[in-house]
Amino acid sequence: MRYLAILLLSPWLLILCWGYWAYPKSLPRVTARRVFDVLVVLLAMLAAAQCAVIGFDRVDLPSVDGFGRASGAIWQQVLPALYGYAAFTAVLIPAIWLRHVLWGRRR
């Protein structure tokens, strides 16, 4: 159950990877850029998985009483998804800016 949140979030993360990889089409497609893109995507995936595990471990589950668990156990899956998505975008957004600085059009 540790990786359920990131597993359910992975289709959206793959769409973001494709968008990062494919656009903008105006940047040159040189080997150095592709190596940079691969490293950024791998780093983003690693950061998302690590932060999802941290989010899973940080959730305090509600106590069990005579009627079972109180509501709130859903946060054990919601918080890792939020942490993973935040880490993923926290890697991709600066990488988009850096990619434009390194390979953008010079005026």
PDB file of N, CA and C in Angstrom:
ATOM      1  N   MET A   1       0.801  -1.196   0.000  1.00  0.00           N
ATOM      2  CA  MET A   1       0.000   0.000   0.000  1.00  0.00           C
ATOM      3  C   MET A   1       0.853   1.274   0.000  1.00  0.00           C
ATOM      4  N   ARG A   2       2.147   1.131   0.247  1.00  0.00           N
ATOM      5  CA  ARG A   2       3.035   2.297   0.316  1.00  0.00           C
ATOM      6  C   ARG A   2       3.074   3.079  -0.992  1.00  0.00           C
ATOM      7  N   TYR A   3       3.061   2.371  -2.099  1.00  0.00           N
ATOM      8  CA  TYR A   3       3.242   3.013  -3.396  1.00  0.00           C
ATOM      9  C   TYR A   3       1.940   3.148  -4.180  1.00  0.00           C
ATOM     10  N   LEU A   4       0.816   2.917  -3.542  1.00  0.00           N
ATOM     11  CA  LEU A   4      -0.466   2.989  -4.242  1.00  0.00           C
ATOM     12  C   LEU A   4      -0.742   4.400  -4.759  1.00  0.00           C
ATOM     13  N   ALA A   5      -0.454   5.403  -3.959  1.00  0.00           N
ATOM     14  CA  ALA A   5      -0.731   6.793  -4.364  1.00  0.00           C
ATOM     15  C   ALA A   5       0.096   7.174  -5.584  1.00  0.00           C
ATOM     16  N   ILE A   6       1.365   6.845  -5.578  1.00  0.00           N
ATOM     17  CA  ILE A   6       2.226   7.210  -6.708  1.00  0.00           C
ATOM     18  C   ILE A   6       1.878   6.359  -7.939  1.00  0.00           C
ATOM     19  N   LEU A   7       1.429   5.128  -7.702  1.00  0.00           N
ATOM     20  CA  LEU A   7       0.995   4.282  -8.812  1.00  0.00           C
ATOM     21  C   LEU A   7      -0.251   4.867  -9.481  1.00  0.00           C
ATOM     22  N   LEU A   8      -1.176   5.373  -8.685  1.00  0.00           N
ATOM     23  CA  LEU A   8      -2.382   5.973  -9.245  1.00  0.00           C
ATOM     24  C   LEU A   8      -2.095   7.325  -9.893  1.00  0.00           C
ATOM     25  N   LEU A   9      -1.058   8.007  -9.441  1.00  0.00           N
ATOM     26  CA  LEU A   9      -0.681   9.296 -10.001  1.00  0.00           C
ATOM     27  C   LEU A   9       0.212   9.153 -11.237  1.00  0.00           C
ATOM     28  N   SER A  10       0.787   7.983 -11.431  1.00  0.00           N
ATOM     29  CA  SER A  10       1.776   7.801 -12.494  1.00  0.00           C
ATOM     30  C   SER A  10       1.264   8.107 -13.919  1.00  0.00           C
ATOM     31  N   PRO A  11       0.025   7.827 -14.291  1.00  0.00           N
ATOM     32  CA  PRO A  11      -0.391   8.221 -15.652  1.00  0.00           C
ATOM     33  C   PRO A  11      -0.277   9.725 -15.887  1.00  0.00           C
ATOM     34  N   TRP A  12      -0.673  10.526 -14.903  1.00  0.00           N
ATOM     35  CA  TRP A  12      -0.561  11.972 -15.051  1.00  0.00           C
ATOM     36  C   TRP A  12       0.906  12.395 -15.088  1.00  0.00           C
ATOM     37  N   LEU A  13       1.741  11.765 -14.288  1.00  0.00           N
ATOM     38  CA  LEU A  13       3.168  12.091 -14.302  1.00  0.00           C
ATOM     39  C   LEU A  13       3.805  11.723 -15.643  1.00  0.00           C
ATOM     40  N   LEU A  14       3.358  10.636 -16.245  1.00  0.00           N
ATOM     41  CA  LEU A  14       3.872  10.258 -17.574  1.00  0.00           C
ATOM     42  C   LEU A  14       3.431  11.261 -18.635  1.00  0.00           C
ATOM     43  N   ILE A  15       2.228  11.793 -18.519  1.00  0.00           N
ATOM     44  CA  ILE A  15       1.772  12.823 -19.454  1.00  0.00           C
ATOM     45  C   ILE A  15       2.627  14.078 -19.296  1.00  0.00           C
ATOM     46  N   LEU A  16       2.941  14.449 -18.055  1.00  0.00           N
ATOM     47  CA  LEU A  16       3.818  15.601 -17.830  1.00  0.00           C
ATOM     48  C   LEU A  16       5.214  15.358 -18.386  1.00  0.00           C
ATOM     49  N   CYS A  17       5.715  14.130 -18.254  1.00  0.00           N
ATOM     50  CA  CYS A  17       7.025  13.782 -18.841  1.00  0.00           C
ATOM     51  C   CYS A  17       6.997  13.943 -20.348  1.00  0.00           C
ATOM     52  N   TRP A  18       5.946  13.443 -20.972  1.00  0.00           N
ATOM     53  CA  TRP A  18       5.838  13.570 -22.425  1.00  0.00           C
ATOM     54  C   TRP A  18       5.778  15.036 -22.830  1.00  0.00           C
ATOM     55  N   GLY A  19       4.995  15.829 -22.105  1.00  0.00           N
ATOM     56  CA  GLY A  19       4.901  17.254 -22.427  1.00  0.00           C
ATOM     57  C   GLY A  19       6.237  17.961 -22.266  1.00  0.00           C
ATOM     58  N   TYR A  20       6.966  17.618 -21.229  1.00  0.00           N
ATOM     59  CA  TYR A  20       8.286  18.210 -21.023  1.00  0.00           C
ATOM     60  C   TYR A  20       9.231  17.805 -22.153  1.00  0.00           C
ATOM     61  N   TRP A  21       9.157  16.552 -22.548  1.00  0.00           N
ATOM     62  CA  TRP A  21      10.060  16.021 -23.571  1.00  0.00           C
ATOM     63  C   TRP A  21       9.742  16.586 -24.961  1.00  0.00           C
ATOM     64  N   ALA A  22       8.475  16.720 -25.282  1.00  0.00           N
ATOM     65  CA  ALA A  22       8.074  17.064 -26.649  1.00  0.00           C
ATOM     66  C   ALA A  22       8.037  18.568 -26.940  1.00  0.00           C
ATOM     67  N   TYR A  23       7.809  19.383 -25.930  1.00  0.00           N
ATOM     68  CA  TYR A  23       7.626  20.811 -26.169  1.00  0.00           C
ATOM     69  C   TYR A  23       8.661  21.623 -25.423  1.00  0.00           C
ATOM     70  N   PRO A  24       9.006  22.787 -25.850  1.00  0.00           N
ATOM     71  CA  PRO A  24       8.608  23.438 -27.090  1.00  0.00           C
ATOM     72  C   PRO A  24       9.418  22.894 -28.257  1.00  0.00           C
ATOM     73  N   LYS A  25       8.827  22.904 -29.385  1.00  0.00           N
ATOM     74  CA  LYS A  25       9.481  22.371 -30.575  1.00  0.00           C
ATOM     75  C   LYS A  25      10.515  23.334 -31.150  1.00  0.00           C
ATOM     76  N   SER A  26      10.542  24.560 -30.667  1.00  0.00           N
ATOM     77  CA  SER A  26      11.488  25.548 -31.195  1.00  0.00           C
ATOM     78  C   SER A  26      12.910  25.359 -30.655  1.00  0.00           C
ATOM     79  N   LEU A  27      13.072  24.622 -29.567  1.00  0.00           N
ATOM     80  CA  LEU A  27      14.410  24.394 -29.032  1.00  0.00           C
ATOM     81  C   LEU A  27      15.141  23.368 -29.887  1.00  0.00           C
ATOM     82  N   PRO A  28      16.456  23.538 -30.068  1.00  0.00           N
ATOM     83  CA  PRO A  28      17.200  22.574 -30.876  1.00  0.00           C
ATOM     84  C   PRO A  28      17.245  21.202 -30.208  1.00  0.00           C
ATOM     85  N   ARG A  29      17.203  20.176 -31.025  1.00  0.00           N
ATOM     86  CA  ARG A  29      17.248  18.809 -30.507  1.00  0.00           C
ATOM     87  C   ARG A  29      18.672  18.267 -30.657  1.00  0.00           C
ATOM     88  N   VAL A  30      19.513  18.679 -29.774  1.00  0.00           N
ATOM     89  CA  VAL A  30      20.906  18.222 -29.793  1.00  0.00           C
ATOM     90  C   VAL A  30      21.078  17.166 -28.710  1.00  0.00           C
ATOM     91  N   THR A  31      22.172  16.439 -28.769  1.00  0.00           N
ATOM     92  CA  THR A  31      22.419  15.353 -27.830  1.00  0.00           C
ATOM     93  C   THR A  31      22.501  15.854 -26.398  1.00  0.00           C
ATOM     94  N   ALA A  32      23.134  16.989 -26.199  1.00  0.00           N
ATOM     95  CA  ALA A  32      23.278  17.517 -24.840  1.00  0.00           C
ATOM     96  C   ALA A  32      21.912  17.826 -24.225  1.00  0.00           C
ATOM     97  N   ARG A  33      20.998  18.341 -25.033  1.00  0.00           N
ATOM     98  CA  ARG A  33      19.657  18.636 -24.511  1.00  0.00           C
ATOM     99  C   ARG A  33      18.926  17.352 -24.160  1.00  0.00           C
ATOM    100  N   ARG A  34      19.050  16.348 -24.990  1.00  0.00           N
ATOM    101  CA  ARG A  34      18.361  15.078 -24.716  1.00  0.00           C
ATOM    102  C   ARG A  34      18.920  14.406 -23.457  1.00  0.00           C
ATOM    103  N   VAL A  35      20.222  14.475 -23.270  1.00  0.00           N
ATOM    104  CA  VAL A  35      20.826  13.925 -22.051  1.00  0.00           C
ATOM    105  C   VAL A  35      20.304  14.698 -20.835  1.00  0.00           C
ATOM    106  N   PHE A  36      20.257  16.015 -20.948  1.00  0.00           N
ATOM    107  CA  PHE A  36      19.715  16.856 -19.879  1.00  0.00           C
ATOM    108  C   PHE A  36      18.268  16.473 -19.582  1.00  0.00           C
ATOM    109  N   ASP A  37      17.453  16.299 -20.618  1.00  0.00           N
ATOM    110  CA  ASP A  37      16.046  15.943 -20.440  1.00  0.00           C
ATOM    111  C   ASP A  37      15.886  14.591 -19.748  1.00  0.00           C
ATOM    112  N   VAL A  38      16.688  13.615 -20.153  1.00  0.00           N
ATOM    113  CA  VAL A  38      16.613  12.287 -19.530  1.00  0.00           C
ATOM    114  C   VAL A  38      16.976  12.380 -18.050  1.00  0.00           C
ATOM    115  N   LEU A  39      18.034  13.104 -17.738  1.00  0.00           N
ATOM    116  CA  LEU A  39      18.445  13.246 -16.341  1.00  0.00           C
ATOM    117  C   LEU A  39      17.380  13.962 -15.508  1.00  0.00           C
ATOM    118  N   VAL A  40      16.763  14.982 -16.082  1.00  0.00           N
ATOM    119  CA  VAL A  40      15.715  15.712 -15.358  1.00  0.00           C
ATOM    120  C   VAL A  40      14.503  14.818 -15.107  1.00  0.00           C
ATOM    121  N   VAL A  41      14.088  14.071 -16.105  1.00  0.00           N
ATOM    122  CA  VAL A  41      12.922  13.191 -15.935  1.00  0.00           C
ATOM    123  C   VAL A  41      13.217  12.111 -14.900  1.00  0.00           C
ATOM    124  N   LEU A  42      14.404  11.532 -14.942  1.00  0.00           N
ATOM    125  CA  LEU A  42      14.763  10.520 -13.944  1.00  0.00           C
ATOM    126  C   LEU A  42      14.827  11.122 -12.544  1.00  0.00           C
ATOM    127  N   LEU A  43      15.390  12.309 -12.426  1.00  0.00           N
ATOM    128  CA  LEU A  43      15.447  12.979 -11.132  1.00  0.00           C
ATOM    129  C   LEU A  43      14.051  13.310 -10.621  1.00  0.00           C
ATOM    130  N   ALA A  44      13.171  13.749 -11.510  1.00  0.00           N
ATOM    131  CA  ALA A  44      11.798  14.067 -11.114  1.00  0.00           C
ATOM    132  C   ALA A  44      11.056  12.812 -10.640  1.00  0.00           C
ATOM    133  N   MET A  45      11.255  11.698 -11.328  1.00  0.00           N
ATOM    134  CA  MET A  45      10.609  10.454 -10.915  1.00  0.00           C
ATOM    135  C   MET A  45      11.138   9.970  -9.568  1.00  0.00           C
ATOM    136  N   LEU A  46      12.438  10.065  -9.394  1.00  0.00           N
ATOM    137  CA  LEU A  46      13.045   9.664  -8.125  1.00  0.00           C
ATOM    138  C   LEU A  46      12.551  10.559  -6.979  1.00  0.00           C
ATOM    139  N   ALA A  47      12.498  11.860  -7.211  1.00  0.00           N
ATOM    140  CA  ALA A  47      12.015  12.786  -6.191  1.00  0.00           C
ATOM    141  C   ALA A  47      10.552  12.514  -5.851  1.00  0.00           C
ATOM    142  N   ALA A  48       9.740  12.225  -6.854  1.00  0.00           N
ATOM    143  CA  ALA A  48       8.321  11.936  -6.609  1.00  0.00           C
ATOM    144  C   ALA A  48       8.160  10.666  -5.776  1.00  0.00           C
ATOM    145  N   ALA A  49       8.911   9.626  -6.098  1.00  0.00           N
ATOM    146  CA  ALA A  49       8.814   8.375  -5.340  1.00  0.00           C
ATOM    147  C   ALA A  49       9.292   8.563  -3.902  1.00  0.00           C
ATOM    148  N   GLN A  50      10.405   9.261  -3.724  1.00  0.00           N
ATOM    149  CA  GLN A  50      10.925   9.493  -2.372  1.00  0.00           C
ATOM    150  C   GLN A  50       9.949  10.317  -1.537  1.00  0.00           C
ATOM    151  N   CYS A  51       9.424  11.375  -2.107  1.00  0.00           N
ATOM    152  CA  CYS A  51       8.496  12.228  -1.360  1.00  0.00           C
ATOM    153  C   CYS A  51       7.176  11.520  -1.091  1.00  0.00           C
ATOM    154  N   ALA A  52       6.754  10.633  -1.967  1.00  0.00           N
ATOM    155  CA  ALA A  52       5.547   9.855  -1.716  1.00  0.00           C
ATOM    156  C   ALA A  52       5.747   8.925  -0.519  1.00  0.00           C
ATOM    157  N   VAL A  53       6.903   8.318  -0.417  1.00  0.00           N
ATOM    158  CA  VAL A  53       7.197   7.458   0.728  1.00  0.00           C
ATOM    159  C   VAL A  53       7.240   8.287   2.014  1.00  0.00           C
ATOM    160  N   ILE A  54       7.850   9.464   1.945  1.00  0.00           N
ATOM    161  CA  ILE A  54       7.898  10.345   3.115  1.00  0.00           C
ATOM    162  C   ILE A  54       6.485  10.760   3.514  1.00  0.00           C
ATOM    163  N   GLY A  55       5.663  11.099   2.542  1.00  0.00           N
ATOM    164  CA  GLY A  55       4.281  11.464   2.828  1.00  0.00           C
ATOM    165  C   GLY A  55       3.489  10.326   3.447  1.00  0.00           C
ATOM    166  N   PHE A  56       3.737   9.105   2.989  1.00  0.00           N
ATOM    167  CA  PHE A  56       3.058   7.940   3.545  1.00  0.00           C
ATOM    168  C   PHE A  56       3.448   7.737   5.003  1.00  0.00           C
ATOM    169  N   ASP A  57       4.724   7.921   5.306  1.00  0.00           N
ATOM    170  CA  ASP A  57       5.214   7.715   6.666  1.00  0.00           C
ATOM    171  C   ASP A  57       4.789   8.823   7.627  1.00  0.00           C
ATOM    172  N   ARG A  58       4.511  10.010   7.126  1.00  0.00           N
ATOM    173  CA  ARG A  58       4.162  11.147   7.990  1.00  0.00           C
ATOM    174  C   ARG A  58       2.714  11.159   8.451  1.00  0.00           C
ATOM    175  N   VAL A  59       1.862  10.419   7.815  1.00  0.00           N
ATOM    176  CA  VAL A  59       0.434  10.454   8.162  1.00  0.00           C
ATOM    177  C   VAL A  59       0.207   9.732   9.482  1.00  0.00           C
ATOM    178  N   ASP A  60      -0.494  10.392  10.387  1.00  0.00           N
ATOM    179  CA  ASP A  60      -0.917   9.770  11.640  1.00  0.00           C
ATOM    180  C   ASP A  60      -2.302   9.185  11.435  1.00  0.00           C
ATOM    181  N   LEU A  61      -2.381   7.868  11.541  1.00  0.00           N
ATOM    182  CA  LEU A  61      -3.673   7.210  11.346  1.00  0.00           C
ATOM    183  C   LEU A  61      -4.561   7.413  12.565  1.00  0.00           C
ATOM    184  N   PRO A  62      -5.865   7.540  12.359  1.00  0.00           N
ATOM    185  CA  PRO A  62      -6.771   7.686  13.500  1.00  0.00           C
ATOM    186  C   PRO A  62      -6.802   6.401  14.327  1.00  0.00           C
ATOM    187  N   SER A  63      -7.146   6.553  15.577  1.00  0.00           N
ATOM    188  CA  SER A  63      -7.167   5.393  16.470  1.00  0.00           C
ATOM    189  C   SER A  63      -8.354   4.482  16.150  1.00  0.00           C
ATOM    190  N   VAL A  64      -8.216   3.251  16.574  1.00  0.00           N
ATOM    191  CA  VAL A  64      -9.277   2.259  16.378  1.00  0.00           C
ATOM    192  C   VAL A  64     -10.095   2.205  17.657  1.00  0.00           C
ATOM    193  N   ASP A  65     -11.400   2.363  17.506  1.00  0.00           N
ATOM    194  CA  ASP A  65     -12.264   2.258  18.680  1.00  0.00           C
ATOM    195  C   ASP A  65     -13.199   1.066  18.502  1.00  0.00           C
ATOM    196  N   GLY A  66     -14.276   1.045  19.238  1.00  0.00           N
ATOM    197  CA  GLY A  66     -15.203  -0.080  19.185  1.00  0.00           C
ATOM    198  C   GLY A  66     -15.885  -0.252  17.846  1.00  0.00           C
ATOM    199  N   PHE A  67     -15.946   0.795  17.061  1.00  0.00           N
ATOM    200  CA  PHE A  67     -16.614   0.730  15.762  1.00  0.00           C
ATOM    201  C   PHE A  67     -15.626   0.705  14.598  1.00  0.00           C
ATOM    202  N   GLY A  68     -14.362   0.513  14.878  1.00  0.00           N
ATOM    203  CA  GLY A  68     -13.341   0.505  13.824  1.00  0.00           C
ATOM    204  C   GLY A  68     -12.657   1.856  13.747  1.00  0.00           C
ATOM    205  N   ARG A  69     -11.947   2.089  12.668  1.00  0.00           N
ATOM    206  CA  ARG A  69     -11.231   3.357  12.493  1.00  0.00           C
ATOM    207  C   ARG A  69     -12.201   4.502  12.235  1.00  0.00           C
ATOM    208  N   ALA A  70     -11.855   5.623  12.798  1.00  0.00           N
ATOM    209  CA  ALA A  70     -12.617   6.831  12.482  1.00  0.00           C
ATOM    210  C   ALA A  70     -12.232   7.277  11.073  1.00  0.00           C
ATOM    211  N   SER A  71     -13.009   8.170  10.515  1.00  0.00           N
ATOM    212  CA  SER A  71     -12.669   8.631   9.172  1.00  0.00           C
ATOM    213  C   SER A  71     -11.354   9.388   9.202  1.00  0.00           C
ATOM    214  N   GLY A  72     -10.678   9.425   8.089  1.00  0.00           N
ATOM    215  CA  GLY A  72      -9.401  10.121   8.007  1.00  0.00           C
ATOM    216  C   GLY A  72      -8.286   9.240   7.498  1.00  0.00           C
ATOM    217  N   ALA A  73      -8.520   7.960   7.351  1.00  0.00           N
ATOM    218  CA  ALA A  73      -7.478   7.062   6.879  1.00  0.00           C
ATOM    219  C   ALA A  73      -7.159   7.286   5.401  1.00  0.00           C
ATOM    220  N   ILE A  74      -8.034   7.980   4.680  1.00  0.00           N
ATOM    221  CA  ILE A  74      -7.789   8.257   3.267  1.00  0.00           C
ATOM    222  C   ILE A  74      -6.554   9.126   3.088  1.00  0.00           C
ATOM    223  N   TRP A  75      -6.216   9.912   4.127  1.00  0.00           N
ATOM    224  CA  TRP A  75      -5.051  10.787   4.022  1.00  0.00           C
ATOM    225  C   TRP A  75      -3.762  10.008   3.883  1.00  0.00           C
ATOM    226  N   GLN A  76      -3.768   8.738   4.205  1.00  0.00           N
ATOM    227  CA  GLN A  76      -2.574   7.916   4.017  1.00  0.00           C
ATOM    228  C   GLN A  76      -2.292   7.704   2.523  1.00  0.00           C
ATOM    229  N   GLN A  77      -3.248   7.922   1.668  1.00  0.00           N
ATOM    230  CA  GLN A  77      -3.021   7.849   0.223  1.00  0.00           C
ATOM    231  C   GLN A  77      -3.018   9.229  -0.427  1.00  0.00           C
ATOM    232  N   VAL A  78      -3.743  10.182   0.153  1.00  0.00           N
ATOM    233  CA  VAL A  78      -3.807  11.519  -0.423  1.00  0.00           C
ATOM    234  C   VAL A  78      -2.504  12.280  -0.217  1.00  0.00           C
ATOM    235  N   LEU A  79      -1.969  12.253   0.989  1.00  0.00           N
ATOM    236  CA  LEU A  79      -0.750  12.998   1.285  1.00  0.00           C
ATOM    237  C   LEU A  79       0.450  12.532   0.449  1.00  0.00           C
ATOM    238  N   PRO A  80       0.676  11.225   0.270  1.00  0.00           N
ATOM    239  CA  PRO A  80       1.782  10.823  -0.611  1.00  0.00           C
ATOM    240  C   PRO A  80       1.602  11.292  -2.054  1.00  0.00           C
ATOM    241  N   ALA A  81       0.365  11.295  -2.535  1.00  0.00           N
ATOM    242  CA  ALA A  81       0.128  11.781  -3.898  1.00  0.00           C
ATOM    243  C   ALA A  81       0.449  13.264  -4.000  1.00  0.00           C
ATOM    244  N   LEU A  82       0.062  14.030  -3.001  1.00  0.00           N
ATOM    245  CA  LEU A  82       0.368  15.464  -3.003  1.00  0.00           C
ATOM    246  C   LEU A  82       1.869  15.714  -2.916  1.00  0.00           C
ATOM    247  N   TYR A  83       2.548  14.993  -2.040  1.00  0.00           N
ATOM    248  CA  TYR A  83       3.999  15.143  -1.907  1.00  0.00           C
ATOM    249  C   TYR A  83       4.705  14.747  -3.205  1.00  0.00           C
ATOM    250  N   GLY A  84       4.283  13.641  -3.784  1.00  0.00           N
ATOM    251  CA  GLY A  84       4.918  13.175  -5.020  1.00  0.00           C
ATOM    252  C   GLY A  84       4.716  14.140  -6.177  1.00  0.00           C
ATOM    253  N   TYR A  85       3.501  14.647  -6.321  1.00  0.00           N
ATOM    254  CA  TYR A  85       3.216  15.595  -7.397  1.00  0.00           C
ATOM    255  C   TYR A  85       3.989  16.890  -7.190  1.00  0.00           C
ATOM    256  N   ALA A  86       4.056  17.363  -5.948  1.00  0.00           N
ATOM    257  CA  ALA A  86       4.795  18.592  -5.655  1.00  0.00           C
ATOM    258  C   ALA A  86       6.279  18.426  -5.946  1.00  0.00           C
ATOM    259  N   ALA A  87       6.844  17.296  -5.580  1.00  0.00           N
ATOM    260  CA  ALA A  87       8.266  17.058  -5.842  1.00  0.00           C
ATOM    261  C   ALA A  87       8.537  16.957  -7.342  1.00  0.00           C
ATOM    262  N   PHE A  88       7.642  16.303  -8.051  1.00  0.00           N
ATOM    263  CA  PHE A  88       7.800  16.154  -9.494  1.00  0.00           C
ATOM    264  C   PHE A  88       7.804  17.506 -10.195  1.00  0.00           C
ATOM    265  N   THR A  89       6.830  18.334  -9.850  1.00  0.00           N
ATOM    266  CA  THR A  89       6.764  19.649 -10.488  1.00  0.00           C
ATOM    267  C   THR A  89       7.863  20.576  -9.989  1.00  0.00           C
ATOM    268  N   ALA A  90       8.321  20.382  -8.753  1.00  0.00           N
ATOM    269  CA  ALA A  90       9.422  21.197  -8.232  1.00  0.00           C
ATOM    270  C   ALA A  90      10.725  20.913  -8.967  1.00  0.00           C
ATOM    271  N   VAL A  91      10.853  19.763  -9.563  1.00  0.00           N
ATOM    272  CA  VAL A  91      12.035  19.449 -10.384  1.00  0.00           C
ATOM    273  C   VAL A  91      11.821  19.931 -11.813  1.00  0.00           C
ATOM    274  N   LEU A  92      10.636  19.717 -12.368  1.00  0.00           N
ATOM    275  CA  LEU A  92      10.401  20.057 -13.776  1.00  0.00           C
ATOM    276  C   LEU A  92      10.375  21.561 -14.059  1.00  0.00           C
ATOM    277  N   ILE A  93       9.796  22.347 -13.181  1.00  0.00           N
ATOM    278  CA  ILE A  93       9.658  23.779 -13.464  1.00  0.00           C
ATOM    279  C   ILE A  93      11.008  24.487 -13.558  1.00  0.00           C
ATOM    280  N   PRO A  94      11.927  24.291 -12.602  1.00  0.00           N
ATOM    281  CA  PRO A  94      13.248  24.920 -12.790  1.00  0.00           C
ATOM    282  C   PRO A  94      14.002  24.351 -13.994  1.00  0.00           C
ATOM    283  N   ALA A  95      13.765  23.075 -14.294  1.00  0.00           N
ATOM    284  CA  ALA A  95      14.435  22.476 -15.455  1.00  0.00           C
ATOM    285  C   ALA A  95      13.949  23.100 -16.759  1.00  0.00           C
ATOM    286  N   ILE A  96      12.667  23.432 -16.842  1.00  0.00           N
ATOM    287  CA  ILE A  96      12.132  24.097 -18.037  1.00  0.00           C
ATOM    288  C   ILE A  96      12.815  25.451 -18.216  1.00  0.00           C
ATOM    289  N   TRP A  97      12.934  26.197 -17.123  1.00  0.00           N
ATOM    290  CA  TRP A  97      13.601  27.505 -17.185  1.00  0.00           C
ATOM    291  C   TRP A  97      15.067  27.342 -17.578  1.00  0.00           C
ATOM    292  N   LEU A  98      15.772  26.387 -16.958  1.00  0.00           N
ATOM    293  CA  LEU A  98      17.186  26.182 -17.261  1.00  0.00           C
ATOM    294  C   LEU A  98      17.385  25.721 -18.701  1.00  0.00           C
ATOM    295  N   ARG A  99      16.479  24.898 -19.194  1.00  0.00           N
ATOM    296  CA  ARG A  99      16.572  24.438 -20.585  1.00  0.00           C
ATOM    297  C   ARG A  99      16.436  25.607 -21.549  1.00  0.00           C
ATOM    298  N   HIS A 100      15.559  26.542 -21.249  1.00  0.00           N
ATOM    299  CA  HIS A 100      15.417  27.723 -22.107  1.00  0.00           C
ATOM    300  C   HIS A 100      16.640  28.628 -22.020  1.00  0.00           C
ATOM    301  N   VAL A 101      17.238  28.709 -20.845  1.00  0.00           N
ATOM    302  CA  VAL A 101      18.453  29.518 -20.697  1.00  0.00           C
ATOM    303  C   VAL A 101      19.604  28.902 -21.501  1.00  0.00           C
ATOM    304  N   LEU A 102      19.729  27.590 -21.436  1.00  0.00           N
ATOM    305  CA  LEU A 102      20.856  26.921 -22.100  1.00  0.00           C
ATOM    306  C   LEU A 102      20.672  26.777 -23.607  1.00  0.00           C
ATOM    307  N   TRP A 103      19.453  26.437 -24.055  1.00  0.00           N
ATOM    308  CA  TRP A 103      19.246  26.147 -25.471  1.00  0.00           C
ATOM    309  C   TRP A 103      18.240  27.052 -26.152  1.00  0.00           C
ATOM    310  N   GLY A 104      17.806  28.087 -25.487  1.00  0.00           N
ATOM    311  CA  GLY A 104      16.839  29.009 -26.091  1.00  0.00           C
ATOM    312  C   GLY A 104      17.475  29.841 -27.194  1.00  0.00           C
ATOM    313  N   ARG A 105      16.638  30.517 -27.938  1.00  0.00           N
ATOM    314  CA  ARG A 105      17.128  31.362 -29.037  1.00  0.00           C
ATOM    315  C   ARG A 105      17.884  32.557 -28.481  1.00  0.00           C
ATOM    316  N   ARG A 106      18.993  32.828 -29.068  1.00  0.00           N
ATOM    317  CA  ARG A 106      19.801  33.984 -28.686  1.00  0.00           C
ATOM    318  C   ARG A 106      19.371  35.176 -29.528  1.00  0.00           C
ATOM    319  N   ARG A 107      19.269  36.334 -28.916  1.00  0.00           N
ATOM    320  CA  ARG A 107      18.853  37.524 -29.668  1.00  0.00           C
ATOM    321  C   ARG A 107      20.043  38.394 -29.942  1.00  0.00           C
TER     322      ARG A 107
END
